[in-house]
C-alpha atoms as a PDB file:
ATOM      1  CA  MET A   1       7.830  13.799  23.431  1.00  0.00           C
ATOM      2  CA  THR A   2       5.610  10.843  24.250  1.00  0.00           C
ATOM      3  CA  SER A   3       1.996  10.549  25.344  1.00  0.00           C
ATOM      4  CA  SER A   4      -0.366   7.725  26.182  1.00  0.00           C
ATOM      5  CA  ALA A   5      -2.387   8.878  23.171  1.00  0.00           C
ATOM      6  CA  PHE A   6       0.267   7.507  20.800  1.00  0.00           C
ATOM      7  CA  GLU A   7       1.759   4.114  20.053  1.00  0.00           C
ATOM      8  CA  THR A   8       5.455   4.356  20.854  1.00  0.00           C
ATOM      9  CA  THR A   9       6.693   0.925  19.774  1.00  0.00           C
ATOM     10  CA  THR A  10       6.908  -0.102  16.149  1.00  0.00           C
ATOM     11  CA  PRO A  11       4.581  -3.028  15.342  1.00  0.00           C
ATOM     12  CA  ASP A  12       6.009  -5.916  13.366  1.00  0.00           C
ATOM     13  CA  ALA A  13       5.246  -5.781   9.670  1.00  0.00           C
ATOM     14  CA  ILE A  14       2.698  -8.605   9.652  1.00  0.00           C
ATOM     15  CA  ARG A  15       0.698  -7.104  12.496  1.00  0.00           C
ATOM     16  CA  TYR A  16       0.781  -3.700  10.810  1.00  0.00           C
ATOM     17  CA  LEU A  17      -0.538  -5.038   7.486  1.00  0.00           C
ATOM     18  CA  ASP A  18      -3.249  -7.032   9.236  1.00  0.00           C
ATOM     19  CA  ARG A  19      -4.628  -4.083  11.150  1.00  0.00           C
ATOM     20  CA  LEU A  20      -4.481  -1.818   8.099  1.00  0.00           C
ATOM     21  CA  ALA A  21      -6.600  -4.360   6.219  1.00  0.00           C
ATOM     22  CA  VAL A  22      -9.338  -4.425   8.869  1.00  0.00           C
ATOM     23  CA  SER A  23      -9.464  -0.662   9.432  1.00  0.00           C
ATOM     24  CA  ASP A  24     -12.335   1.230   7.809  1.00  0.00           C
ATOM     25  CA  PRO A  25     -10.015   3.052   5.345  1.00  0.00           C
ATOM     26  CA  GLY A  26      -8.287  -0.234   4.531  1.00  0.00           C
ATOM     27  CA  ARG A  27     -11.477  -2.181   3.878  1.00  0.00           C
ATOM     28  CA  PHE A  28     -12.854   0.608   1.699  1.00  0.00           C
ATOM     29  CA  TYR A  29      -9.930   0.980  -0.686  1.00  0.00           C
ATOM     30  CA  LYS A  30      -9.331  -2.773  -0.876  1.00  0.00           C
ATOM     31  CA  ARG A  31     -12.935  -3.315  -1.953  1.00  0.00           C
ATOM     32  CA  ARG A  32     -12.525  -0.668  -4.646  1.00  0.00           C
ATOM     33  CA  MET A  33      -9.347  -2.384  -5.850  1.00  0.00           C
ATOM     34  CA  PHE A  34     -11.039  -5.792  -5.895  1.00  0.00           C
ATOM     35  CA  ASP A  35     -13.959  -4.474  -7.929  1.00  0.00           C
ATOM     36  CA  ALA A  36     -11.600  -2.805 -10.427  1.00  0.00           C
ATOM     37  CA  LEU A  37      -9.548  -5.995 -10.765  1.00  0.00           C
ATOM     38  CA  ASP A  38     -12.692  -8.001 -11.536  1.00  0.00           C
ATOM     39  CA  PRO A  39     -11.215 -11.474 -10.956  1.00  0.00           C
ATOM     40  CA  ARG A  40     -13.379 -14.227 -12.429  1.00  0.00           C
ATOM     41  CA  ALA A  41     -13.645 -17.994 -12.306  1.00  0.00           C
ATOM     42  CA  GLY A  42     -10.789 -19.559 -14.259  1.00  0.00           C
ATOM     43  CA  HIS A  43      -8.522 -16.512 -14.129  1.00  0.00           C
ATOM     44  CA  ARG A  44      -4.864 -16.746 -13.150  1.00  0.00           C
ATOM     45  CA  VAL A  45      -4.342 -13.839 -10.746  1.00  0.00           C
ATOM     46  CA  LEU A  46      -1.098 -12.454  -9.330  1.00  0.00           C
ATOM     47  CA  ASP A  47      -0.853 -10.675  -5.980  1.00  0.00           C
ATOM     48  CA  LEU A  48       2.555  -9.026  -6.202  1.00  0.00           C
ATOM     49  CA  GLY A  49       3.903  -8.035  -2.821  1.00  0.00           C
ATOM     50  CA  CYS A  50       1.259 -10.223  -1.223  1.00  0.00           C
ATOM     51  CA  GLY A  51       2.601  -9.765   2.308  1.00  0.00           C
ATOM     52  CA  PRO A  52       1.171 -12.266   4.811  1.00  0.00           C
ATOM     53  CA  GLY A  53      -1.570 -13.242   2.362  1.00  0.00           C
ATOM     54  CA  THR A  54      -4.162 -10.716   3.478  1.00  0.00           C
ATOM     55  CA  ASP A  55      -5.986 -10.669   0.140  1.00  0.00           C
ATOM     56  CA  LEU A  56      -5.258 -14.133  -1.211  1.00  0.00           C
ATOM     57  CA  ASP A  57      -8.359 -15.800   0.199  1.00  0.00           C
ATOM     58  CA  ALA A  58     -10.791 -13.373  -1.441  1.00  0.00           C
ATOM     59  CA  LEU A  59      -8.979 -13.774  -4.764  1.00  0.00           C
ATOM     60  CA  ALA A  60      -9.068 -17.557  -4.428  1.00  0.00           C
ATOM     61  CA  GLN A  61     -12.814 -17.539  -3.884  1.00  0.00           C
ATOM     62  CA  ALA A  62     -13.275 -15.439  -7.020  1.00  0.00           C
ATOM     63  CA  VAL A  63     -11.248 -17.664  -9.385  1.00  0.00           C
ATOM     64  CA  ALA A  64     -12.145 -21.118  -8.011  1.00  0.00           C
ATOM     65  CA  PRO A  65     -12.445 -23.883  -8.924  1.00  0.00           C
ATOM     66  CA  ALA A  66     -10.492 -23.786 -12.202  1.00  0.00           C
ATOM     67  CA  GLY A  67      -8.410 -20.643 -11.684  1.00  0.00           C
ATOM     68  CA  ALA A  68      -5.201 -19.971  -9.795  1.00  0.00           C
ATOM     69  CA  VAL A  69      -3.852 -17.298  -7.469  1.00  0.00           C
ATOM     70  CA  ILE A  70      -0.108 -16.742  -7.133  1.00  0.00           C
ATOM     71  CA  GLY A  71       1.209 -14.551  -4.358  1.00  0.00           C
ATOM     72  CA  VAL A  72       4.748 -13.226  -4.664  1.00  0.00           C
ATOM     73  CA  ASP A  73       6.748 -11.483  -1.959  1.00  0.00           C
ATOM     74  CA  LEU A  74      10.407 -10.661  -1.382  1.00  0.00           C
ATOM     75  CA  ASP A  75      10.250 -11.115   2.393  1.00  0.00           C
ATOM     76  CA  GLU A  76      10.689 -14.735   3.493  1.00  0.00           C
ATOM     77  CA  LYS A  77       8.682 -14.137   6.689  1.00  0.00           C
ATOM     78  CA  MET A  78       5.766 -12.828   4.639  1.00  0.00           C
ATOM     79  CA  VAL A  79       5.981 -15.802   2.291  1.00  0.00           C
ATOM     80  CA  ALA A  80       5.921 -18.221   5.218  1.00  0.00           C
ATOM     81  CA  ALA A  81       2.932 -16.479   6.804  1.00  0.00           C
ATOM     82  CA  ALA A  82       1.027 -16.375   3.509  1.00  0.00           C
ATOM     83  CA  ARG A  83       1.686 -20.065   2.879  1.00  0.00           C
ATOM     84  CA  GLU A  84       0.465 -20.970   6.356  1.00  0.00           C
ATOM     85  CA  ARG A  85      -2.696 -18.896   6.023  1.00  0.00           C
ATOM     86  CA  THR A  86      -3.610 -20.353   2.623  1.00  0.00           C
ATOM     87  CA  ALA A  87      -2.606 -23.952   3.277  1.00  0.00           C
ATOM     88  CA  GLY A  88      -6.176 -25.135   2.732  1.00  0.00           C
ATOM     89  CA  ARG A  89      -6.616 -23.337  -0.571  1.00  0.00           C
ATOM     90  CA  SER A  90      -5.600 -25.620  -3.436  1.00  0.00           C
ATOM     91  CA  VAL A  91      -5.812 -22.800  -5.994  1.00  0.00           C
ATOM     92  CA  VAL A  92      -3.289 -20.635  -4.112  1.00  0.00           C
ATOM     93  CA  GLU A  93       0.482 -20.785  -4.489  1.00  0.00           C
ATOM     94  CA  VAL A  94       2.909 -18.426  -2.750  1.00  0.00           C
ATOM     95  CA  ARG A  95       6.344 -17.836  -4.237  1.00  0.00           C
ATOM     96  CA  HIS A  96       9.407 -16.001  -3.030  1.00  0.00           C
ATOM     97  CA  GLY A  97      10.393 -13.408  -5.612  1.00  0.00           C
ATOM     98  CA  ASP A  98      11.214  -9.843  -6.552  1.00  0.00           C
ATOM     99  CA  VAL A  99       8.726  -7.691  -8.464  1.00  0.00           C
ATOM    100  CA  HIS A 100      11.665  -6.497 -10.582  1.00  0.00           C
ATOM    101  CA  ASP A 101      12.403 -10.087 -11.654  1.00  0.00           C
ATOM    102  CA  LEU A 102       9.253 -12.161 -11.308  1.00  0.00           C
ATOM    103  CA  PRO A 103       9.489 -15.969 -11.141  1.00  0.00           C
ATOM    104  CA  LEU A 104       6.816 -16.254 -13.842  1.00  0.00           C
ATOM    105  CA  ASP A 105       6.649 -16.959 -17.562  1.00  0.00           C
ATOM    106  CA  ASP A 106       5.767 -14.417 -20.232  1.00  0.00           C
ATOM    107  CA  ASP A 107       2.037 -13.960 -20.925  1.00  0.00           C
ATOM    108  CA  SER A 108       1.087 -16.232 -18.034  1.00  0.00           C
ATOM    109  CA  ALA A 109      -1.519 -14.272 -16.043  1.00  0.00           C
ATOM    110  CA  ASP A 110      -4.909 -12.667 -16.603  1.00  0.00           C
ATOM    111  CA  ARG A 111      -4.880 -10.271 -13.670  1.00  0.00           C
ATOM    112  CA  ALA A 112      -2.293  -8.703 -11.369  1.00  0.00           C
ATOM    113  CA  ARG A 113      -2.470  -6.385  -8.412  1.00  0.00           C
ATOM    114  CA  THR A 114      -0.019  -4.364  -6.330  1.00  0.00           C
ATOM    115  CA  ASP A 115      -1.259  -2.878  -3.085  1.00  0.00           C
ATOM    116  CA  ARG A 116       0.939  -0.180  -1.500  1.00  0.00           C
ATOM    117  CA  VAL A 117       4.020  -1.960  -2.861  1.00  0.00           C
ATOM    118  CA  LEU A 118       5.455   0.348  -5.509  1.00  0.00           C
ATOM    119  CA  GLN A 119       6.019   3.143  -2.990  1.00  0.00           C
ATOM    120  CA  HIS A 120       8.770   0.950  -1.533  1.00  0.00           C
ATOM    121  CA  VAL A 121      10.507  -0.643  -4.539  1.00  0.00           C
ATOM    122  CA  ALA A 122      13.841   0.417  -6.004  1.00  0.00           C
ATOM    123  CA  ASP A 123      12.532   1.088  -9.532  1.00  0.00           C
ATOM    124  CA  PRO A 124       8.751   1.394 -10.068  1.00  0.00           C
ATOM    125  CA  LEU A 125       9.122   1.740 -13.839  1.00  0.00           C
ATOM    126  CA  ALA A 126      11.169  -1.455 -14.114  1.00  0.00           C
ATOM    127  CA  ALA A 127       8.664  -3.264 -11.880  1.00  0.00           C
ATOM    128  CA  LEU A 128       5.781  -2.196 -14.112  1.00  0.00           C
ATOM    129  CA  GLY A 129       7.659  -3.398 -17.187  1.00  0.00           C
ATOM    130  CA  GLU A 130       8.137  -6.781 -15.555  1.00  0.00           C
ATOM    131  CA  ILE A 131       4.448  -7.001 -14.657  1.00  0.00           C
ATOM    132  CA  ARG A 132       3.511  -6.209 -18.251  1.00  0.00           C
ATOM    133  CA  ARG A 133       5.779  -9.026 -19.404  1.00  0.00           C
ATOM    134  CA  VAL A 134       3.871 -11.649 -17.429  1.00  0.00           C
ATOM    135  CA  LEU A 135       0.358 -10.428 -18.284  1.00  0.00           C
ATOM    136  CA  ARG A 136      -1.438 -11.932 -21.272  1.00  0.00           C
ATOM    137  CA  PRO A 137      -2.897  -9.749 -24.032  1.00  0.00           C
ATOM    138  CA  GLY A 138      -6.132  -8.413 -22.594  1.00  0.00           C
ATOM    139  CA  GLY A 139      -4.738  -8.711 -19.065  1.00  0.00           C
ATOM    140  CA  ARG A 140      -5.342  -6.164 -16.352  1.00  0.00           C
ATOM    141  CA  LEU A 141      -3.212  -4.677 -13.588  1.00  0.00           C
ATOM    142  CA  VAL A 142      -4.720  -2.778 -10.667  1.00  0.00           C
ATOM    143  CA  MET A 143      -2.433  -0.719  -8.441  1.00  0.00           C
ATOM    144  CA  GLY A 144      -3.201   1.124  -5.226  1.00  0.00           C
ATOM    145  CA  GLU A 145      -0.682   3.673  -3.947  1.00  0.00           C
ATOM    146  CA  PRO A 146      -0.892   6.717  -1.674  1.00  0.00           C
ATOM    147  CA  ASP A 147       0.480  10.094  -2.666  1.00  0.00           C
ATOM    148  CA  TRP A 148       2.105  11.142   0.579  1.00  0.00           C
ATOM    149  CA  ASP A 149       2.496  14.721  -0.613  1.00  0.00           C
ATOM    150  CA  THR A 150      -1.276  15.002  -0.125  1.00  0.00           C
ATOM    151  CA  LEU A 151      -1.048  14.064   3.559  1.00  0.00           C
ATOM    152  CA  THR A 152      -2.621  16.746   5.714  1.00  0.00           C
ATOM    153  CA  VAL A 153      -3.248  16.795   9.426  1.00  0.00           C
ATOM    154  CA  ASP A 154      -5.340  19.461  11.103  1.00  0.00           C
ATOM    155  CA  HIS A 155      -3.328  21.388  13.685  1.00  0.00           C
ATOM    156  CA  PRO A 156      -3.483  24.965  15.002  1.00  0.00           C
ATOM    157  CA  ASP A 157      -0.003  25.542  13.580  1.00  0.00           C
ATOM    158  CA  THR A 158      -0.160  24.788   9.858  1.00  0.00           C
ATOM    159  CA  HIS A 159       3.593  25.303   9.519  1.00  0.00           C
ATOM    160  CA  LEU A 160       4.153  22.217  11.667  1.00  0.00           C
ATOM    161  CA  THR A 161       1.787  20.215   9.478  1.00  0.00           C
ATOM    162  CA  ARG A 162       3.756  21.228   6.396  1.00  0.00           C
ATOM    163  CA  ALA A 163       7.030  20.276   8.071  1.00  0.00           C
ATOM    164  CA  TYR A 164       5.642  16.881   9.084  1.00  0.00           C
ATOM    165  CA  THR A 165       4.390  16.097   5.561  1.00  0.00           C
ATOM    166  CA  ARG A 166       7.651  17.303   4.026  1.00  0.00           C
ATOM    167  CA  HIS A 167       9.569  14.937   6.296  1.00  0.00           C
ATOM    168  CA  VAL A 168       7.379  11.980   5.294  1.00  0.00           C
ATOM    169  CA  VAL A 169       7.862  12.772   1.608  1.00  0.00           C
ATOM    170  CA  ASP A 170      11.583  13.495   1.839  1.00  0.00           C
ATOM    171  CA  ARG A 171      12.760  10.876   4.306  1.00  0.00           C
ATOM    172  CA  VAL A 172      10.182   8.245   5.278  1.00  0.00           C
ATOM    173  CA  VAL A 173       8.704   6.810   2.076  1.00  0.00           C
ATOM    174  CA  ARG A 174      11.006   5.819  -0.768  1.00  0.00           C
ATOM    175  CA  ASN A 175       8.680   6.727  -3.658  1.00  0.00           C
ATOM    176  CA  ALA A 176       6.368   9.079  -1.798  1.00  0.00           C
ATOM    177  CA  ALA A 177       4.640  10.574  -4.853  1.00  0.00           C
ATOM    178  CA  VAL A 178       4.230   7.351  -6.841  1.00  0.00           C
ATOM    179  CA  GLY A 179       0.437   7.472  -6.529  1.00  0.00           C
ATOM    180  CA  ARG A 180       0.193  10.432  -8.884  1.00  0.00           C
ATOM    181  CA  GLN A 181       2.855   8.945 -11.164  1.00  0.00           C
ATOM    182  CA  LEU A 182       1.289   5.530 -11.743  1.00  0.00           C
ATOM    183  CA  ALA A 183      -0.775   6.398 -14.816  1.00  0.00           C
ATOM    184  CA  ARG A 184       2.198   7.989 -16.561  1.00  0.00           C
ATOM    185  CA  LEU A 185       4.609   5.200 -15.649  1.00  0.00           C
ATOM    186  CA  ALA A 186       2.173   2.511 -16.770  1.00  0.00           C
ATOM    187  CA  THR A 187       1.691   4.286 -20.099  1.00  0.00           C
ATOM    188  CA  GLU A 188       5.460   4.484 -20.576  1.00  0.00           C
ATOM    189  CA  CYS A 189       5.576   0.693 -20.139  1.00  0.00           C
ATOM    190  CA  GLY A 190       3.029   0.116 -22.896  1.00  0.00           C
ATOM    191  CA  PHE A 191      -0.141  -0.225 -20.828  1.00  0.00           C
ATOM    192  CA  THR A 192      -3.329   1.633 -21.577  1.00  0.00           C
ATOM    193  CA  VAL A 193      -4.878   3.296 -18.533  1.00  0.00           C
ATOM    194  CA  PRO A 194      -8.678   3.369 -18.765  1.00  0.00           C
ATOM    195  CA  GLU A 195      -9.365   4.477 -15.203  1.00  0.00           C
ATOM    196  CA  VAL A 196      -7.832   6.339 -12.272  1.00  0.00           C
ATOM    197  CA  ILE A 197      -9.796   6.277  -9.024  1.00  0.00           C
ATOM    198  CA  PRO A 198      -8.773   8.718  -6.283  1.00  0.00           C
ATOM    199  CA  VAL A 199      -9.693   7.554  -2.799  1.00  0.00           C
ATOM    200  CA  THR A 200      -9.342  10.087   0.000  1.00  0.00           C
ATOM    201  CA  GLN A 201      -8.690   8.260   3.245  1.00  0.00           C
ATOM    202  CA  VAL A 202     -10.024  10.339   6.136  1.00  0.00           C
ATOM    203  CA  PHE A 203      -9.122   9.667   9.765  1.00  0.00           C
ATOM    204  CA  ARG A 204     -11.302  11.156  12.504  1.00  0.00           C
ATOM    205  CA  GLU A 205      -9.893   9.160  15.400  1.00  0.00           C
ATOM    206  CA  LEU A 206      -6.373   9.763  16.628  1.00  0.00           C
ATOM    207  CA  ARG A 207      -5.731   6.170  17.680  1.00  0.00           C
ATOM    208  CA  VAL A 208      -6.808   4.766  14.321  1.00  0.00           C
ATOM    209  CA  ALA A 209      -4.659   7.270  12.435  1.00  0.00           C
ATOM    210  CA  ASP A 210      -1.714   6.650  14.736  1.00  0.00           C
ATOM    211  CA  SER A 211      -1.959   2.880  14.286  1.00  0.00           C
ATOM    212  CA  ILE A 212      -1.485   3.359  10.527  1.00  0.00           C
ATOM    213  CA  LEU A 213       0.624   6.525  10.305  1.00  0.00           C
ATOM    214  CA  GLY A 214       2.809   6.070  13.400  1.00  0.00           C
ATOM    215  CA  LEU A 215       2.502   9.750  14.297  1.00  0.00           C
ATOM    216  CA  GLU A 216       4.689   9.839  17.396  1.00  0.00           C
ATOM    217  CA  ARG A 217       7.382   7.573  15.957  1.00  0.00           C
ATOM    218  CA  THR A 218       7.515   9.583  12.740  1.00  0.00           C
ATOM    219  CA  THR A 219       7.708  12.810  14.731  1.00  0.00           C
ATOM    220  CA  ARG A 220      10.742  11.458  16.610  1.00  0.00           C
ATOM    221  CA  ARG A 221      12.411  10.738  13.281  1.00  0.00           C
ATOM    222  CA  ALA A 222      11.536  14.255  12.083  1.00  0.00           C
ATOM    223  CA  VAL A 223      13.369  15.726  15.077  1.00  0.00           C
ATOM    224  CA  GLU A 224      16.426  13.586  14.363  1.00  0.00           C
ATOM    225  CA  ALA A 225      16.345  14.702  10.716  1.00  0.00           C
ATOM    226  CA  GLY A 226      16.022  18.383  11.612  1.00  0.00           C
ATOM    227  CA  TYR A 227      12.470  18.998  10.426  1.00  0.00           C
ATOM    228  CA  PHE A 228      11.227  19.688  13.980  1.00  0.00           C
ATOM    229  CA  SER A 229      12.909  21.033  17.065  1.00  0.00           C
ATOM    230  CA  GLU A 230      12.150  19.242  20.321  1.00  0.00           C
ATOM    231  CA  ARG A 231       9.852  22.098  21.317  1.00  0.00           C
ATOM    232  CA  GLU A 232       8.022  22.046  17.983  1.00  0.00           C
ATOM    233  CA  ALA A 233       7.547  18.288  18.279  1.00  0.00           C
ATOM    234  CA  GLU A 234       5.987  18.697  21.724  1.00  0.00           C
ATOM    235  CA  THR A 235       3.684  21.405  20.367  1.00  0.00           C
ATOM    236  CA  TRP A 236       2.770  19.232  17.382  1.00  0.00           C
ATOM    237  CA  LEU A 237       1.963  16.105  19.370  1.00  0.00           C
ATOM    238  CA  SER A 238       0.112  17.861  22.181  1.00  0.00           C
ATOM    239  CA  GLY A 239      -2.029  19.675  19.615  1.00  0.00           C
ATOM    240  CA  LEU A 240      -2.935  16.377  17.957  1.00  0.00           C
ATOM    241  CA  ALA A 241      -3.738  14.733  21.286  1.00  0.00           C
ATOM    242  CA  GLN A 242      -6.067  17.526  22.400  1.00  0.00           C
ATOM    243  CA  GLY A 243      -8.346  17.032  19.382  1.00  0.00           C
ATOM    244  CA  PRO A 244     -10.725  16.987  17.696  1.00  0.00           C
ATOM    245  CA  PHE A 245      -8.589  15.063  15.232  1.00  0.00           C
ATOM    246  CA  LEU A 246      -8.638  15.047  11.432  1.00  0.00           C
ATOM    247  CA  ALA A 247      -6.116  13.730   8.928  1.00  0.00           C
ATOM    248  CA  ALA A 248      -6.423  12.755   5.277  1.00  0.00           C
ATOM    249  CA  VAL A 249      -4.323  11.358   2.451  1.00  0.00           C
ATOM    250  CA  THR A 250      -5.217  10.522  -1.145  1.00  0.00           C
ATOM    251  CA  LEU A 251      -4.621   7.017  -2.478  1.00  0.00           C
ATOM    252  CA  TYR A 252      -4.802   6.431  -6.222  1.00  0.00           C
ATOM    253  CA  ILE A 253      -6.208   3.221  -7.655  1.00  0.00           C
ATOM    254  CA  VAL A 254      -4.984   2.902 -11.227  1.00  0.00           C
ATOM    255  CA  VAL A 255      -6.288   0.371 -13.743  1.00  0.00           C
ATOM    256  CA  ALA A 256      -3.815  -0.558 -16.491  1.00  0.00           C
ATOM    257  CA  GLU A 257      -4.494  -2.963 -19.348  1.00  0.00           C
ATOM    258  CA  VAL A 258      -2.374  -4.798 -21.911  1.00  0.00           C
END
């Protein structure tokens, strides 16, 4: 069930986030998120789930010289990497913390962002309530999350595509449909939601899609979970490798204001 067309080893988390950020789909949605956030000179901006600091530099440039950028992440390795990468940026501080219990005072930030974070947290609603606590009146939160139920991959056997997507939604991603839920959850927390921006990420190259979606590795997990037989997995992967390739998933960028 392996082919040279697919990446068979799992990349470490920092490498994965870095290559997502420089991919064409990654650059496109991140630019849309940045524009919606509208960070300005003097703002105090939070990057919640900042990872290895991928987006901290751009935020720092926007708020300098009088503003501040605070990155928060639960993973100590991510915090260390982000601190190393932003060591020369005096306006940037990186803190270890949980989005459910932020190490920040009430009404202490002008802007906040979460980028593909809430799909993984234990309680998205509680996390949004905590973010609202730390935003000042007039503050803005911008969230970007995929809706994995919209994942589609072209294949001669559409039943296999449905099985693959069902496995991702059921077993792979903790909050797989959070993209479509963000506007409602934010409203329940007391935010107003002036804008929802759907971004359809389209992959035309197998290797690019595989580097982000982990197609072969996920297929192996689908076999173990009973969504594919070994024979179906071989049929699925060989069909993808033969091409031409097309996959797409919708990511929702949601703007929420206090």
